[in-house]
N, C-alpha and C. Protein backbone atom coordinates (compact mmCIF):
# COMPACT_ATOMS: atom_id res chain seq x y z
N MET A 1 114.06 57.67 167.27
CA MET A 1 113.63 59.09 166.85
C MET A 1 113.69 58.89 165.62
N LEU A 2 114.87 58.94 165.05
CA LEU A 2 115.27 59.37 163.42
C LEU A 2 114.37 57.99 162.80
N ARG A 3 114.25 56.40 163.20
CA ARG A 3 113.29 55.87 162.71
C ARG A 3 112.00 55.92 162.78
N PHE A 4 111.46 56.92 163.70
CA PHE A 4 110.03 57.35 163.73
C PHE A 4 109.67 58.03 162.56
N LEU A 5 110.34 59.50 162.93
CA LEU A 5 110.73 60.46 161.40
C LEU A 5 110.77 59.79 160.47
N THR A 6 111.54 58.91 160.11
CA THR A 6 111.48 58.12 158.56
C THR A 6 110.01 57.52 158.04
N ILE A 7 109.52 56.66 158.91
CA ILE A 7 108.41 55.91 158.73
C ILE A 7 107.19 57.32 158.89
N THR A 8 107.21 58.37 159.37
CA THR A 8 106.14 59.66 159.31
C THR A 8 106.14 59.91 158.12
N LEU A 9 107.30 60.29 157.27
CA LEU A 9 107.44 60.58 156.60
C LEU A 9 107.13 60.03 155.09
N LEU A 10 107.85 58.74 154.96
CA LEU A 10 106.75 57.53 154.24
C LEU A 10 105.66 57.66 154.04
N LEU A 11 105.12 57.49 155.13
CA LEU A 11 103.58 57.21 155.22
C LEU A 11 102.75 58.48 154.93
N ALA A 12 103.46 59.43 155.30
CA ALA A 12 102.91 61.18 154.70
C ALA A 12 103.09 61.54 153.02
N ALA A 13 103.93 60.53 152.81
CA ALA A 13 104.01 60.87 151.13
C ALA A 13 103.18 61.03 150.34
N PRO A 14 102.12 59.71 150.70
CA PRO A 14 100.80 60.61 149.55
C PRO A 14 100.09 61.64 149.65
N ILE A 15 100.09 61.92 150.69
CA ILE A 15 99.42 63.17 150.66
C ILE A 15 99.94 64.70 150.18
N PHE A 16 101.36 64.45 149.74
CA PHE A 16 102.07 65.18 148.95
C PHE A 16 102.05 64.98 147.42
N ALA A 17 101.17 64.00 147.12
CA ALA A 17 101.22 63.61 145.78
C ALA A 17 100.63 64.51 144.80
N ALA A 18 100.59 64.82 143.51
CA ALA A 18 99.62 65.44 142.65
C ALA A 18 98.62 65.38 142.78
N ASP A 19 98.33 66.66 142.99
CA ASP A 19 96.22 66.44 142.50
C ASP A 19 95.80 66.62 141.46
N ILE A 20 95.93 65.22 140.38
CA ILE A 20 95.65 65.16 139.32
C ILE A 20 94.40 64.84 138.52
N ASP A 21 93.85 63.98 139.37
CA ASP A 21 92.15 63.52 139.17
C ASP A 21 91.50 64.87 138.82
N GLY A 22 90.43 65.02 137.08
CA GLY A 22 89.69 65.49 136.32
C GLY A 22 90.35 65.89 134.99
N LYS A 23 89.66 67.10 134.55
CA LYS A 23 89.87 67.09 133.00
C LYS A 23 90.96 68.35 132.87
N TRP A 24 91.70 67.93 131.78
CA TRP A 24 92.99 69.21 131.54
C TRP A 24 92.30 69.59 130.69
N THR A 25 93.10 71.09 129.85
CA THR A 25 92.17 71.23 128.78
C THR A 25 94.08 72.02 128.23
N GLY A 26 94.24 72.12 126.95
CA GLY A 26 95.38 73.12 126.38
C GLY A 26 94.98 73.35 125.10
N SER A 27 96.38 73.14 124.40
CA SER A 27 96.05 73.33 122.70
C SER A 27 97.75 73.18 122.87
N ILE A 28 98.15 72.90 121.18
CA ILE A 28 99.14 72.30 120.85
C ILE A 28 99.22 72.90 119.36
N ASP A 29 100.31 73.23 118.63
CA ASP A 29 100.51 73.69 117.42
C ASP A 29 100.56 72.83 116.62
N ALA A 30 99.87 72.48 115.64
CA ALA A 30 99.54 71.58 114.78
C ALA A 30 99.93 72.22 113.23
N GLY A 31 100.91 72.65 112.77
CA GLY A 31 101.05 72.88 111.46
C GLY A 31 100.70 74.26 111.47
N GLY A 32 101.18 75.17 112.43
CA GLY A 32 100.45 76.47 112.18
C GLY A 32 98.96 77.19 112.89
N ALA A 33 97.97 75.75 113.11
CA ALA A 33 97.14 76.08 113.78
C ALA A 33 96.93 75.37 115.21
N PRO A 34 96.42 75.73 115.86
CA PRO A 34 96.09 75.19 116.85
C PRO A 34 95.58 74.28 117.60
N MET A 35 95.84 73.24 117.52
CA MET A 35 95.19 71.46 118.16
C MET A 35 94.31 71.81 119.79
N GLN A 36 93.27 71.72 119.54
CA GLN A 36 92.82 71.57 121.25
C GLN A 36 92.64 70.08 121.95
N LEU A 37 93.05 69.96 122.84
CA LEU A 37 93.81 69.12 123.82
C LEU A 37 92.91 69.02 125.14
N VAL A 38 92.35 67.94 124.88
CA VAL A 38 91.71 66.99 126.33
C VAL A 38 92.33 66.22 127.10
N TYR A 39 92.25 65.86 128.66
CA TYR A 39 92.71 64.54 128.96
C TYR A 39 91.70 64.71 130.19
N ASN A 40 91.72 63.60 130.48
CA ASN A 40 90.88 63.28 131.97
C ASN A 40 91.86 62.13 132.81
N PHE A 41 92.07 62.34 133.38
CA PHE A 41 92.91 61.60 134.64
C PHE A 41 92.45 61.62 135.66
N LYS A 42 93.02 60.30 136.51
CA LYS A 42 92.11 59.30 137.12
C LYS A 42 93.24 58.70 138.05
N ALA A 43 94.00 59.50 139.21
CA ALA A 43 94.72 58.57 140.48
C ALA A 43 94.64 57.59 140.95
N ASP A 44 95.06 56.69 141.21
CA ASP A 44 94.68 55.43 142.01
C ASP A 44 96.33 55.05 143.13
N GLY A 45 96.64 55.67 144.21
CA GLY A 45 97.96 55.41 144.02
C GLY A 45 99.00 55.95 143.30
N ALA A 46 99.95 55.27 143.35
CA ALA A 46 101.11 55.83 141.84
C ALA A 46 100.24 55.21 140.23
N THR A 47 99.32 54.92 140.61
CA THR A 47 99.03 54.70 139.19
C THR A 47 97.70 55.60 138.16
N LEU A 48 98.09 55.71 137.29
CA LEU A 48 97.16 57.09 136.52
C LEU A 48 96.38 56.07 135.35
N THR A 49 95.30 56.60 135.54
CA THR A 49 94.25 56.01 134.15
C THR A 49 93.77 57.09 133.61
N GLY A 50 93.20 57.05 132.42
CA GLY A 50 92.57 58.35 132.00
C GLY A 50 92.61 58.28 130.83
N SER A 51 92.18 59.14 129.65
CA SER A 51 91.79 59.15 128.51
C SER A 51 92.16 60.54 127.66
N THR A 52 92.02 60.55 126.84
CA THR A 52 91.90 61.87 126.09
C THR A 52 91.34 61.63 124.35
N THR A 53 91.45 62.55 123.67
CA THR A 53 91.13 62.54 122.44
C THR A 53 91.74 62.27 121.31
N GLY A 54 91.66 61.61 120.22
CA GLY A 54 92.68 61.47 119.13
C GLY A 54 92.02 62.46 118.21
N PRO A 55 93.35 62.37 116.96
CA PRO A 55 92.73 63.31 116.31
C PRO A 55 91.37 63.03 115.35
N ASP A 56 91.06 62.20 115.58
CA ASP A 56 90.18 61.23 114.15
C ASP A 56 88.78 61.47 115.66
N GLY A 57 88.89 62.59 117.04
CA GLY A 57 88.10 62.13 117.65
C GLY A 57 87.20 61.28 118.45
N MET A 58 88.08 60.19 118.54
CA MET A 58 88.03 59.11 119.17
C MET A 58 88.07 59.09 120.34
N GLU A 59 87.88 58.36 121.49
CA GLU A 59 88.49 58.42 122.84
C GLU A 59 89.72 57.79 122.62
N VAL A 60 91.07 57.62 123.27
CA VAL A 60 92.35 57.34 123.01
C VAL A 60 92.73 57.25 124.54
N LYS A 61 92.93 56.08 125.21
CA LYS A 61 92.70 55.38 126.74
C LYS A 61 94.57 55.58 126.87
N ILE A 62 94.78 56.01 128.04
CA ILE A 62 96.14 56.24 128.37
C ILE A 62 96.55 54.71 129.36
N SER A 63 97.78 54.55 128.51
CA SER A 63 98.35 52.88 129.26
C SER A 63 99.92 53.38 129.93
N ASP A 64 100.14 52.36 130.75
CA ASP A 64 101.24 52.31 131.45
C ASP A 64 101.28 53.80 132.46
N GLY A 65 100.13 54.41 132.75
CA GLY A 65 100.68 55.50 133.96
C GLY A 65 101.12 55.32 135.16
N LYS A 66 101.92 56.73 135.34
CA LYS A 66 102.34 56.37 136.77
C LYS A 66 102.06 57.80 137.13
N ILE A 67 102.48 57.86 138.56
CA ILE A 67 102.50 59.23 139.32
C ILE A 67 103.85 58.85 140.21
N ASP A 68 104.66 59.93 140.10
CA ASP A 68 105.71 59.74 141.31
C ASP A 68 105.72 61.54 141.58
N GLY A 69 105.09 61.09 143.14
CA GLY A 69 104.78 63.00 143.56
C GLY A 69 104.30 64.23 142.42
N ASN A 70 105.10 65.23 141.69
CA ASN A 70 104.36 65.93 141.22
C ASN A 70 104.77 65.45 139.42
N ASN A 71 105.38 64.31 139.53
CA ASN A 71 105.34 63.84 137.97
C ASN A 71 104.57 63.11 137.70
N ILE A 72 104.35 62.79 136.19
CA ILE A 72 103.33 61.91 135.38
C ILE A 72 104.03 61.23 134.17
N SER A 73 103.84 59.79 134.20
CA SER A 73 104.38 59.74 132.60
C SER A 73 103.07 58.57 132.09
N PHE A 74 103.03 58.21 130.77
CA PHE A 74 102.29 57.66 130.36
C PHE A 74 102.17 57.27 128.95
N ASN A 75 102.15 56.43 128.22
CA ASN A 75 102.02 56.14 126.82
C ASN A 75 100.39 56.25 126.43
N LEU A 76 100.27 56.87 124.99
CA LEU A 76 99.08 56.47 124.26
C LEU A 76 99.38 56.03 123.13
N THR A 77 98.93 55.26 122.23
CA THR A 77 99.02 54.20 121.45
C THR A 77 97.67 55.06 120.40
N LEU A 78 97.86 55.06 119.12
CA LEU A 78 96.74 55.89 117.98
C LEU A 78 96.94 55.14 117.06
N ASP A 79 96.21 54.34 116.34
CA ASP A 79 96.11 54.19 114.99
C ASP A 79 95.64 55.05 113.55
N PHE A 80 96.89 54.77 112.74
CA PHE A 80 97.27 55.88 111.92
C PHE A 80 96.76 54.59 110.89
N GLY A 81 95.97 54.80 110.12
CA GLY A 81 95.53 53.72 109.02
C GLY A 81 95.96 52.28 109.20
N GLY A 82 95.65 51.85 110.43
CA GLY A 82 96.34 50.44 110.45
C GLY A 82 97.38 50.27 111.00
N GLN A 83 97.88 51.00 111.18
CA GLN A 83 99.52 51.29 111.63
C GLN A 83 99.20 51.84 113.67
N SER A 84 100.02 51.38 114.09
CA SER A 84 99.62 51.61 116.09
C SER A 84 101.21 52.14 115.97
N ILE A 85 100.46 53.55 116.33
CA ILE A 85 101.80 54.25 116.60
C ILE A 85 101.80 54.46 118.51
N THR A 86 102.95 54.22 119.67
CA THR A 86 103.34 54.51 120.65
C THR A 86 103.45 55.50 121.14
N MET A 87 103.04 56.63 121.82
CA MET A 87 103.81 57.98 122.03
C MET A 87 103.73 58.08 123.49
N ALA A 88 105.30 58.43 123.75
CA ALA A 88 105.22 58.68 125.40
C ALA A 88 104.96 60.04 125.78
N ALA A 89 104.45 60.22 127.48
CA ALA A 89 104.03 61.40 127.27
C ALA A 89 104.78 61.66 128.81
N LYS A 90 105.39 62.79 129.47
CA LYS A 90 105.80 63.09 130.31
C LYS A 90 105.54 64.20 131.01
N GLY A 91 105.04 64.45 132.32
CA GLY A 91 104.38 65.92 132.73
C GLY A 91 104.62 66.29 134.09
N VAL A 92 104.82 67.63 134.10
CA VAL A 92 105.23 68.16 135.90
C VAL A 92 103.81 69.03 135.99
N LEU A 93 103.19 68.48 137.58
CA LEU A 93 102.33 69.35 137.97
C LEU A 93 102.67 70.18 138.72
N SER A 94 102.59 71.42 138.53
CA SER A 94 102.40 72.70 139.45
C SER A 94 101.51 73.90 139.73
N GLY A 95 100.78 73.01 140.82
CA GLY A 95 99.50 74.20 141.27
C GLY A 95 98.11 73.39 140.15
N SER A 96 97.31 74.77 139.48
CA SER A 96 96.56 73.84 138.24
C SER A 96 97.43 73.93 137.28
N GLU A 97 98.52 73.70 136.63
CA GLU A 97 98.79 73.84 135.66
C GLU A 97 99.87 72.64 135.05
N LEU A 98 100.14 72.04 134.50
CA LEU A 98 100.59 70.66 134.07
C LEU A 98 101.61 70.99 132.32
N LYS A 99 102.90 71.16 132.77
CA LYS A 99 103.90 71.01 131.67
C LYS A 99 104.29 69.80 131.36
N MET A 100 103.76 69.40 129.56
CA MET A 100 103.79 68.32 129.34
C MET A 100 104.81 68.41 128.30
N VAL A 101 105.24 66.91 127.98
CA VAL A 101 106.28 66.35 126.52
C VAL A 101 105.96 65.25 126.32
N LEU A 102 105.31 65.16 124.85
CA LEU A 102 104.51 64.35 123.97
C LEU A 102 105.86 63.84 122.72
N ASP A 103 106.64 63.13 123.15
CA ASP A 103 107.67 62.09 121.79
C ASP A 103 106.59 61.59 121.11
N PHE A 104 106.60 62.24 120.04
CA PHE A 104 105.61 61.67 118.49
C PHE A 104 106.99 61.30 117.37
N MET A 105 107.08 59.71 117.56
CA MET A 105 108.29 59.20 116.86
C MET A 105 109.71 59.70 116.50
N GLY A 106 109.81 60.57 118.16
CA GLY A 106 111.11 61.04 118.00
C GLY A 106 110.91 62.45 118.14
N MET A 107 109.85 63.07 117.65
CA MET A 107 110.00 64.28 117.68
C MET A 107 109.61 64.81 119.37
N PRO A 108 109.70 65.88 119.88
CA PRO A 108 109.07 66.08 121.15
C PRO A 108 108.02 67.19 121.04
N PHE A 109 106.94 67.00 121.37
CA PHE A 109 106.28 68.55 121.20
C PHE A 109 106.03 68.64 122.99
N GLU A 110 106.45 70.28 123.18
CA GLU A 110 106.03 70.46 124.37
C GLU A 110 104.30 71.36 124.85
N PHE A 111 103.70 70.92 125.76
CA PHE A 111 102.34 72.00 125.95
C PHE A 111 101.84 72.09 127.57
N VAL A 112 101.29 73.14 127.60
CA VAL A 112 100.75 72.92 128.83
C VAL A 112 99.14 72.65 128.62
N LEU A 113 98.78 72.11 129.99
CA LEU A 113 97.32 71.96 130.26
C LEU A 113 97.00 72.60 131.73
N LYS A 114 95.64 73.00 131.74
CA LYS A 114 95.27 73.68 132.75
C LYS A 114 94.43 72.99 133.21
N LYS A 115 93.90 72.60 134.38
CA LYS A 115 92.94 71.82 135.22
C LYS A 115 91.77 72.80 135.08
N SER A 116 90.81 71.82 134.63
CA SER A 116 89.17 72.54 133.85
C SER A 116 88.63 72.95 135.51
């Protein structure tokens, strides 16, 4: 009986996975002025793909995206004058709100995204 229950719970786990697909928006304080953020996410099992808009207005693809229940993580690689900088992002989904932390060169930036 315990074996059946364990297998049932493992098979049902994807049902409880985060509903991350779609467009998410928010803002972050950028030196006293709010900077608008837009992310587009797509889940494929435990893999997260998508993109955001960089400071120059160009699309930036997310890489190494992962989904673990309501937790997500991914990397963004930006080009700053020919120098590539990779930032790590982590988030926790709660309903239609995604609490994010983005690590930029050792400085964590916290912000909240809402599903559009």
